[in-house]
Amino acid sequence: MKDKKHMVKIRKKRIKALKKQIEKHEDKIKTEKGRLDTTKDYWRKEIDSKFLRRIEEDEDFLDDLDNENYSEEK
């Protein structure tokens, strides 16, 4: 039980941090001029491939735990 609580806490915290990071990247897309290694497409790709995918995985994990807990209560 302790491990599940800990994992839920970590996942929620990570989701919050990733959303904050997405905001930072979107600000960079709007304000910064692209460079050789960090173009605007690079920032967009990083948001799509890394952050959104990770958030989706974490939310799925939390949903699975909620469903598991719901079925255990019955």
PDB file of N, CA and C in Angstrom:
ATOM      1  N   MET A   1       0.826  -1.197   0.000  1.00  0.00           N
ATOM      2  CA  MET A   1       0.000   0.000   0.000  1.00  0.00           C
ATOM      3  C   MET A   1       0.864   1.252   0.000  1.00  0.00           C
ATOM      4  N   LYS A   2       1.933   1.245   0.757  1.00  0.00           N
ATOM      5  CA  LYS A   2       2.806   2.405   0.832  1.00  0.00           C
ATOM      6  C   LYS A   2       3.422   2.725  -0.525  1.00  0.00           C
ATOM      7  N   ASP A   3       3.792   1.679  -1.258  1.00  0.00           N
ATOM      8  CA  ASP A   3       4.397   1.888  -2.564  1.00  0.00           C
ATOM      9  C   ASP A   3       3.406   2.537  -3.529  1.00  0.00           C
ATOM     10  N   LYS A   4       2.164   2.125  -3.493  1.00  0.00           N
ATOM     11  CA  LYS A   4       1.160   2.709  -4.380  1.00  0.00           C
ATOM     12  C   LYS A   4       0.955   4.180  -4.051  1.00  0.00           C
ATOM     13  N   LYS A   5       0.862   4.500  -2.770  1.00  0.00           N
ATOM     14  CA  LYS A   5       0.689   5.892  -2.362  1.00  0.00           C
ATOM     15  C   LYS A   5       1.872   6.735  -2.825  1.00  0.00           C
ATOM     16  N   HIS A   6       3.044   6.171  -2.671  1.00  0.00           N
ATOM     17  CA  HIS A   6       4.262   6.879  -3.069  1.00  0.00           C
ATOM     18  C   HIS A   6       4.304   7.082  -4.581  1.00  0.00           C
ATOM     19  N   MET A   7       3.938   6.069  -5.327  1.00  0.00           N
ATOM     20  CA  MET A   7       3.943   6.180  -6.783  1.00  0.00           C
ATOM     21  C   MET A   7       2.902   7.197  -7.258  1.00  0.00           C
ATOM     22  N   VAL A   8       1.741   7.224  -6.617  1.00  0.00           N
ATOM     23  CA  VAL A   8       0.709   8.193  -6.983  1.00  0.00           C
ATOM     24  C   VAL A   8       1.226   9.609  -6.730  1.00  0.00           C
ATOM     25  N   LYS A   9       1.856   9.800  -5.593  1.00  0.00           N
ATOM     26  CA  LYS A   9       2.402  11.112  -5.247  1.00  0.00           C
ATOM     27  C   LYS A   9       3.457  11.543  -6.258  1.00  0.00           C
ATOM     28  N   ILE A  10       4.341  10.638  -6.618  1.00  0.00           N
ATOM     29  CA  ILE A  10       5.396  10.942  -7.581  1.00  0.00           C
ATOM     30  C   ILE A  10       4.801  11.272  -8.938  1.00  0.00           C
ATOM     31  N   ARG A  11       3.843  10.467  -9.392  1.00  0.00           N
ATOM     32  CA  ARG A  11       3.243  10.681 -10.716  1.00  0.00           C
ATOM     33  C   ARG A  11       2.510  12.019 -10.773  1.00  0.00           C
ATOM     34  N   LYS A  12       1.757  12.354  -9.730  1.00  0.00           N
ATOM     35  CA  LYS A  12       1.044  13.631  -9.722  1.00  0.00           C
ATOM     36  C   LYS A  12       2.024  14.802  -9.741  1.00  0.00           C
ATOM     37  N   LYS A  13       3.081  14.662  -8.986  1.00  0.00           N
ATOM     38  CA  LYS A  13       4.097  15.714  -8.943  1.00  0.00           C
ATOM     39  C   LYS A  13       4.781  15.853 -10.301  1.00  0.00           C
ATOM     40  N   ARG A  14       5.056  14.733 -10.955  1.00  0.00           N
ATOM     41  CA  ARG A  14       5.705  14.768 -12.260  1.00  0.00           C
ATOM     42  C   ARG A  14       4.788  15.378 -13.311  1.00  0.00           C
ATOM     43  N   ILE A  15       3.489  15.057 -13.265  1.00  0.00           N
ATOM     44  CA  ILE A  15       2.535  15.647 -14.201  1.00  0.00           C
ATOM     45  C   ILE A  15       2.526  17.164 -14.053  1.00  0.00           C
ATOM     46  N   LYS A  16       2.507  17.624 -12.821  1.00  0.00           N
ATOM     47  CA  LYS A  16       2.509  19.061 -12.560  1.00  0.00           C
ATOM     48  C   LYS A  16       3.785  19.709 -13.103  1.00  0.00           C
ATOM     49  N   ALA A  17       4.926  19.080 -12.887  1.00  0.00           N
ATOM     50  CA  ALA A  17       6.198  19.619 -13.362  1.00  0.00           C
ATOM     51  C   ALA A  17       6.270  19.622 -14.889  1.00  0.00           C
ATOM     52  N   LEU A  18       5.753  18.578 -15.513  1.00  0.00           N
ATOM     53  CA  LEU A  18       5.774  18.511 -16.977  1.00  0.00           C
ATOM     54  C   LEU A  18       4.877  19.577 -17.597  1.00  0.00           C
ATOM     55  N   LYS A  19       3.745  19.839 -16.994  1.00  0.00           N
ATOM     56  CA  LYS A  19       2.867  20.887 -17.502  1.00  0.00           C
ATOM     57  C   LYS A  19       3.546  22.249 -17.406  1.00  0.00           C
ATOM     58  N   LYS A  20       4.280  22.455 -16.327  1.00  0.00           N
ATOM     59  CA  LYS A  20       5.046  23.685 -16.161  1.00  0.00           C
ATOM     60  C   LYS A  20       6.131  23.791 -17.231  1.00  0.00           C
ATOM     61  N   GLN A  21       6.790  22.683 -17.520  1.00  0.00           N
ATOM     62  CA  GLN A  21       7.834  22.655 -18.537  1.00  0.00           C
ATOM     63  C   GLN A  21       7.259  22.918 -19.926  1.00  0.00           C
ATOM     64  N   ILE A  22       6.070  22.397 -20.193  1.00  0.00           N
ATOM     65  CA  ILE A  22       5.402  22.652 -21.469  1.00  0.00           C
ATOM     66  C   ILE A  22       5.148  24.147 -21.632  1.00  0.00           C
ATOM     67  N   GLU A  23       4.693  24.794 -20.556  1.00  0.00           N
ATOM     68  CA  GLU A  23       4.464  26.236 -20.608  1.00  0.00           C
ATOM     69  C   GLU A  23       5.756  26.981 -20.935  1.00  0.00           C
ATOM     70  N   LYS A  24       6.858  26.579 -20.336  1.00  0.00           N
ATOM     71  CA  LYS A  24       8.148  27.217 -20.605  1.00  0.00           C
ATOM     72  C   LYS A  24       8.531  27.040 -22.071  1.00  0.00           C
ATOM     73  N   HIS A  25       8.335  25.843 -22.588  1.00  0.00           N
ATOM     74  CA  HIS A  25       8.679  25.587 -23.983  1.00  0.00           C
ATOM     75  C   HIS A  25       7.784  26.402 -24.924  1.00  0.00           C
ATOM     76  N   GLU A  26       6.509  26.509 -24.609  1.00  0.00           N
ATOM     77  CA  GLU A  26       5.616  27.290 -25.449  1.00  0.00           C
ATOM     78  C   GLU A  26       5.995  28.768 -25.423  1.00  0.00           C
ATOM     79  N   ASP A  27       6.445  29.262 -24.264  1.00  0.00           N
ATOM     80  CA  ASP A  27       6.931  30.636 -24.191  1.00  0.00           C
ATOM     81  C   ASP A  27       8.165  30.819 -25.066  1.00  0.00           C
ATOM     82  N   LYS A  28       9.046  29.837 -25.068  1.00  0.00           N
ATOM     83  CA  LYS A  28      10.239  29.908 -25.908  1.00  0.00           C
ATOM     84  C   LYS A  28       9.864  29.916 -27.379  1.00  0.00           C
ATOM     85  N   ILE A  29       8.852  29.139 -27.738  1.00  0.00           N
ATOM     86  CA  ILE A  29       8.394  29.106 -29.129  1.00  0.00           C
ATOM     87  C   ILE A  29       7.890  30.496 -29.539  1.00  0.00           C
ATOM     88  N   LYS A  30       7.171  31.152 -28.634  1.00  0.00           N
ATOM     89  CA  LYS A  30       6.589  32.454 -28.951  1.00  0.00           C
ATOM     90  C   LYS A  30       7.626  33.571 -28.953  1.00  0.00           C
ATOM     91  N   THR A  31       8.572  33.525 -28.022  1.00  0.00           N
ATOM     92  CA  THR A  31       9.443  34.679 -27.815  1.00  0.00           C
ATOM     93  C   THR A  31      10.838  34.550 -28.412  1.00  0.00           C
ATOM     94  N   GLU A  32      11.431  33.378 -28.348  1.00  0.00           N
ATOM     95  CA  GLU A  32      12.823  33.242 -28.760  1.00  0.00           C
ATOM     96  C   GLU A  32      12.966  33.008 -30.247  1.00  0.00           C
ATOM     97  N   LYS A  33      14.065  33.491 -30.726  1.00  0.00           N
ATOM     98  CA  LYS A  33      14.422  33.247 -32.116  1.00  0.00           C
ATOM     99  C   LYS A  33      15.122  31.889 -32.169  1.00  0.00           C
ATOM    100  N   GLY A  34      14.795  31.102 -33.168  1.00  0.00           N
ATOM    101  CA  GLY A  34      15.404  29.781 -33.273  1.00  0.00           C
ATOM    102  C   GLY A  34      16.897  29.850 -33.545  1.00  0.00           C
ATOM    103  N   ARG A  35      17.625  28.891 -33.056  1.00  0.00           N
ATOM    104  CA  ARG A  35      19.061  28.782 -33.292  1.00  0.00           C
ATOM    105  C   ARG A  35      19.319  27.505 -34.069  1.00  0.00           C
ATOM    106  N   LEU A  36      20.574  27.216 -34.278  1.00  0.00           N
ATOM    107  CA  LEU A  36      20.917  26.023 -35.049  1.00  0.00           C
ATOM    108  C   LEU A  36      20.428  24.742 -34.386  1.00  0.00           C
ATOM    109  N   ASP A  37      20.648  24.627 -33.080  1.00  0.00           N
ATOM    110  CA  ASP A  37      20.302  23.380 -32.396  1.00  0.00           C
ATOM    111  C   ASP A  37      18.950  23.429 -31.691  1.00  0.00           C
ATOM    112  N   THR A  38      18.410  24.612 -31.474  1.00  0.00           N
ATOM    113  CA  THR A  38      17.125  24.732 -30.782  1.00  0.00           C
ATOM    114  C   THR A  38      16.169  25.591 -31.598  1.00  0.00           C
ATOM    115  N   THR A  39      15.653  25.032 -32.634  1.00  0.00           N
ATOM    116  CA  THR A  39      14.677  25.737 -33.463  1.00  0.00           C
ATOM    117  C   THR A  39      13.303  25.637 -32.827  1.00  0.00           C
ATOM    118  N   LYS A  40      12.376  26.387 -33.359  1.00  0.00           N
ATOM    119  CA  LYS A  40      11.005  26.338 -32.843  1.00  0.00           C
ATOM    120  C   LYS A  40      10.397  24.953 -33.058  1.00  0.00           C
ATOM    121  N   ASP A  41      10.762  24.320 -34.180  1.00  0.00           N
ATOM    122  CA  ASP A  41      10.283  22.958 -34.424  1.00  0.00           C
ATOM    123  C   ASP A  41      10.828  21.985 -33.382  1.00  0.00           C
ATOM    124  N   TYR A  42      12.057  22.219 -32.949  1.00  0.00           N
ATOM    125  CA  TYR A  42      12.663  21.380 -31.911  1.00  0.00           C
ATOM    126  C   TYR A  42      11.856  21.478 -30.628  1.00  0.00           C
ATOM    127  N   TRP A  43      11.491  22.699 -30.210  1.00  0.00           N
ATOM    128  CA  TRP A  43      10.721  22.864 -28.974  1.00  0.00           C
ATOM    129  C   TRP A  43       9.372  22.173 -29.102  1.00  0.00           C
ATOM    130  N   ARG A  44       8.705  22.339 -30.250  1.00  0.00           N
ATOM    131  CA  ARG A  44       7.402  21.715 -30.460  1.00  0.00           C
ATOM    132  C   ARG A  44       7.518  20.192 -30.433  1.00  0.00           C
ATOM    133  N   LYS A  45       8.554  19.662 -31.086  1.00  0.00           N
ATOM    134  CA  LYS A  45       8.762  18.218 -31.122  1.00  0.00           C
ATOM    135  C   LYS A  45       9.027  17.677 -29.721  1.00  0.00           C
ATOM    136  N   GLU A  46       9.795  18.415 -28.932  1.00  0.00           N
ATOM    137  CA  GLU A  46      10.090  17.977 -27.575  1.00  0.00           C
ATOM    138  C   GLU A  46       8.819  17.943 -26.729  1.00  0.00           C
ATOM    139  N   ILE A  47       7.971  18.925 -26.904  1.00  0.00           N
ATOM    140  CA  ILE A  47       6.698  18.931 -26.174  1.00  0.00           C
ATOM    141  C   ILE A  47       5.876  17.715 -26.573  1.00  0.00           C
ATOM    142  N   ASP A  48       5.737  17.492 -27.875  1.00  0.00           N
ATOM    143  CA  ASP A  48       4.891  16.406 -28.361  1.00  0.00           C
ATOM    144  C   ASP A  48       5.452  15.030 -28.028  1.00  0.00           C
ATOM    145  N   SER A  49       6.734  14.841 -28.261  1.00  0.00           N
ATOM    146  CA  SER A  49       7.288  13.493 -28.124  1.00  0.00           C
ATOM    147  C   SER A  49       7.612  13.121 -26.690  1.00  0.00           C
ATOM    148  N   LYS A  50       8.060  14.066 -25.908  1.00  0.00           N
ATOM    149  CA  LYS A  50       8.487  13.725 -24.552  1.00  0.00           C
ATOM    150  C   LYS A  50       7.427  14.021 -23.505  1.00  0.00           C
ATOM    151  N   PHE A  51       7.032  15.271 -23.422  1.00  0.00           N
ATOM    152  CA  PHE A  51       6.216  15.690 -22.293  1.00  0.00           C
ATOM    153  C   PHE A  51       4.789  15.174 -22.366  1.00  0.00           C
ATOM    154  N   LEU A  52       4.149  15.339 -23.502  1.00  0.00           N
ATOM    155  CA  LEU A  52       2.760  14.896 -23.614  1.00  0.00           C
ATOM    156  C   LEU A  52       2.633  13.388 -23.505  1.00  0.00           C
ATOM    157  N   ARG A  53       3.606  12.680 -24.057  1.00  0.00           N
ATOM    158  CA  ARG A  53       3.589  11.213 -23.962  1.00  0.00           C
ATOM    159  C   ARG A  53       3.751  10.775 -22.504  1.00  0.00           C
ATOM    160  N   ARG A  54       4.655  11.424 -21.779  1.00  0.00           N
ATOM    161  CA  ARG A  54       4.885  11.080 -20.370  1.00  0.00           C
ATOM    162  C   ARG A  54       3.659  11.397 -19.519  1.00  0.00           C
ATOM    163  N   ILE A  55       3.035  12.529 -19.779  1.00  0.00           N
ATOM    164  CA  ILE A  55       1.824  12.889 -19.030  1.00  0.00           C
ATOM    165  C   ILE A  55       0.727  11.861 -19.276  1.00  0.00           C
ATOM    166  N   GLU A  56       0.570  11.466 -20.523  1.00  0.00           N
ATOM    167  CA  GLU A  56      -0.448  10.474 -20.865  1.00  0.00           C
ATOM    168  C   GLU A  56      -0.185   9.145 -20.147  1.00  0.00           C
ATOM    169  N   GLU A  57       1.064   8.711 -20.123  1.00  0.00           N
ATOM    170  CA  GLU A  57       1.417   7.461 -19.437  1.00  0.00           C
ATOM    171  C   GLU A  57       1.111   7.560 -17.946  1.00  0.00           C
ATOM    172  N   ASP A  58       1.462   8.684 -17.335  1.00  0.00           N
ATOM    173  CA  ASP A  58       1.219   8.852 -15.904  1.00  0.00           C
ATOM    174  C   ASP A  58      -0.268   8.907 -15.593  1.00  0.00           C
ATOM    175  N   GLU A  59      -1.044   9.598 -16.417  1.00  0.00           N
ATOM    176  CA  GLU A  59      -2.486   9.659 -16.192  1.00  0.00           C
ATOM    177  C   GLU A  59      -3.129   8.291 -16.374  1.00  0.00           C
ATOM    178  N   ASP A  60      -2.643   7.521 -17.336  1.00  0.00           N
ATOM    179  CA  ASP A  60      -3.149   6.158 -17.510  1.00  0.00           C
ATOM    180  C   ASP A  60      -2.843   5.313 -16.281  1.00  0.00           C
ATOM    181  N   PHE A  61      -1.642   5.454 -15.748  1.00  0.00           N
ATOM    182  CA  PHE A  61      -1.256   4.727 -14.536  1.00  0.00           C
ATOM    183  C   PHE A  61      -2.182   5.082 -13.380  1.00  0.00           C
ATOM    184  N   LEU A  62      -2.441   6.383 -13.209  1.00  0.00           N
ATOM    185  CA  LEU A  62      -3.317   6.820 -12.120  1.00  0.00           C
ATOM    186  C   LEU A  62      -4.751   6.327 -12.327  1.00  0.00           C
ATOM    187  N   ASP A  63      -5.221   6.341 -13.561  1.00  0.00           N
ATOM    188  CA  ASP A  63      -6.561   5.819 -13.857  1.00  0.00           C
ATOM    189  C   ASP A  63      -6.653   4.329 -13.553  1.00  0.00           C
ATOM    190  N   ASP A  64      -5.615   3.594 -13.922  1.00  0.00           N
ATOM    191  CA  ASP A  64      -5.597   2.158 -13.650  1.00  0.00           C
ATOM    192  C   ASP A  64      -5.636   1.888 -12.149  1.00  0.00           C
ATOM    193  N   LEU A  65      -4.898   2.673 -11.389  1.00  0.00           N
ATOM    194  CA  LEU A  65      -4.913   2.504  -9.938  1.00  0.00           C
ATOM    195  C   LEU A  65      -6.283   2.835  -9.360  1.00  0.00           C
ATOM    196  N   ASP A  66      -6.902   3.903  -9.877  1.00  0.00           N
ATOM    197  CA  ASP A  66      -8.238   4.265  -9.400  1.00  0.00           C
ATOM    198  C   ASP A  66      -9.234   3.152  -9.712  1.00  0.00           C
ATOM    199  N   ASN A  67      -9.155   2.601 -10.904  1.00  0.00           N
ATOM    200  CA  ASN A  67     -10.057   1.506 -11.278  1.00  0.00           C
ATOM    201  C   ASN A  67      -9.796   0.273 -10.426  1.00  0.00           C
ATOM    202  N   GLU A  68      -8.532   0.015 -10.149  1.00  0.00           N
ATOM    203  CA  GLU A  68      -8.170  -1.126  -9.315  1.00  0.00           C
ATOM    204  C   GLU A  68      -8.695  -0.942  -7.904  1.00  0.00           C
ATOM    205  N   ASN A  69      -8.547   0.245  -7.364  1.00  0.00           N
ATOM    206  CA  ASN A  69      -9.038   0.521  -6.016  1.00  0.00           C
ATOM    207  C   ASN A  69     -10.556   0.455  -5.955  1.00  0.00           C
ATOM    208  N   TYR A  70     -11.205   0.913  -7.000  1.00  0.00           N
ATOM    209  CA  TYR A  70     -12.654   0.867  -7.054  1.00  0.00           C
ATOM    210  C   TYR A  70     -13.160  -0.569  -7.065  1.00  0.00           C
ATOM    211  N   SER A  71     -12.486  -1.418  -7.832  1.00  0.00           N
ATOM    212  CA  SER A  71     -12.920  -2.815  -7.911  1.00  0.00           C
ATOM    213  C   SER A  71     -12.610  -3.572  -6.623  1.00  0.00           C
ATOM    214  N   GLU A  72     -11.567  -3.169  -5.911  1.00  0.00           N
ATOM    215  CA  GLU A  72     -11.241  -3.828  -4.639  1.00  0.00           C
ATOM    216  C   GLU A  72     -12.257  -3.484  -3.567  1.00  0.00           C
ATOM    217  N   GLU A  73     -12.846  -2.283  -3.633  1.00  0.00           N
ATOM    218  CA  GLU A  73     -13.811  -1.860  -2.629  1.00  0.00           C
ATOM    219  C   GLU A  73     -15.112  -2.637  -2.728  1.00  0.00           C
ATOM    220  N   LYS A  74     -15.464  -3.121  -3.899  1.00  0.00           N
ATOM    221  CA  LYS A  74     -16.718  -3.853  -4.067  1.00  0.00           C
ATOM    222  C   LYS A  74     -16.663  -5.223  -3.519  1.00  0.00           C
TER     223      LYS A  74
END
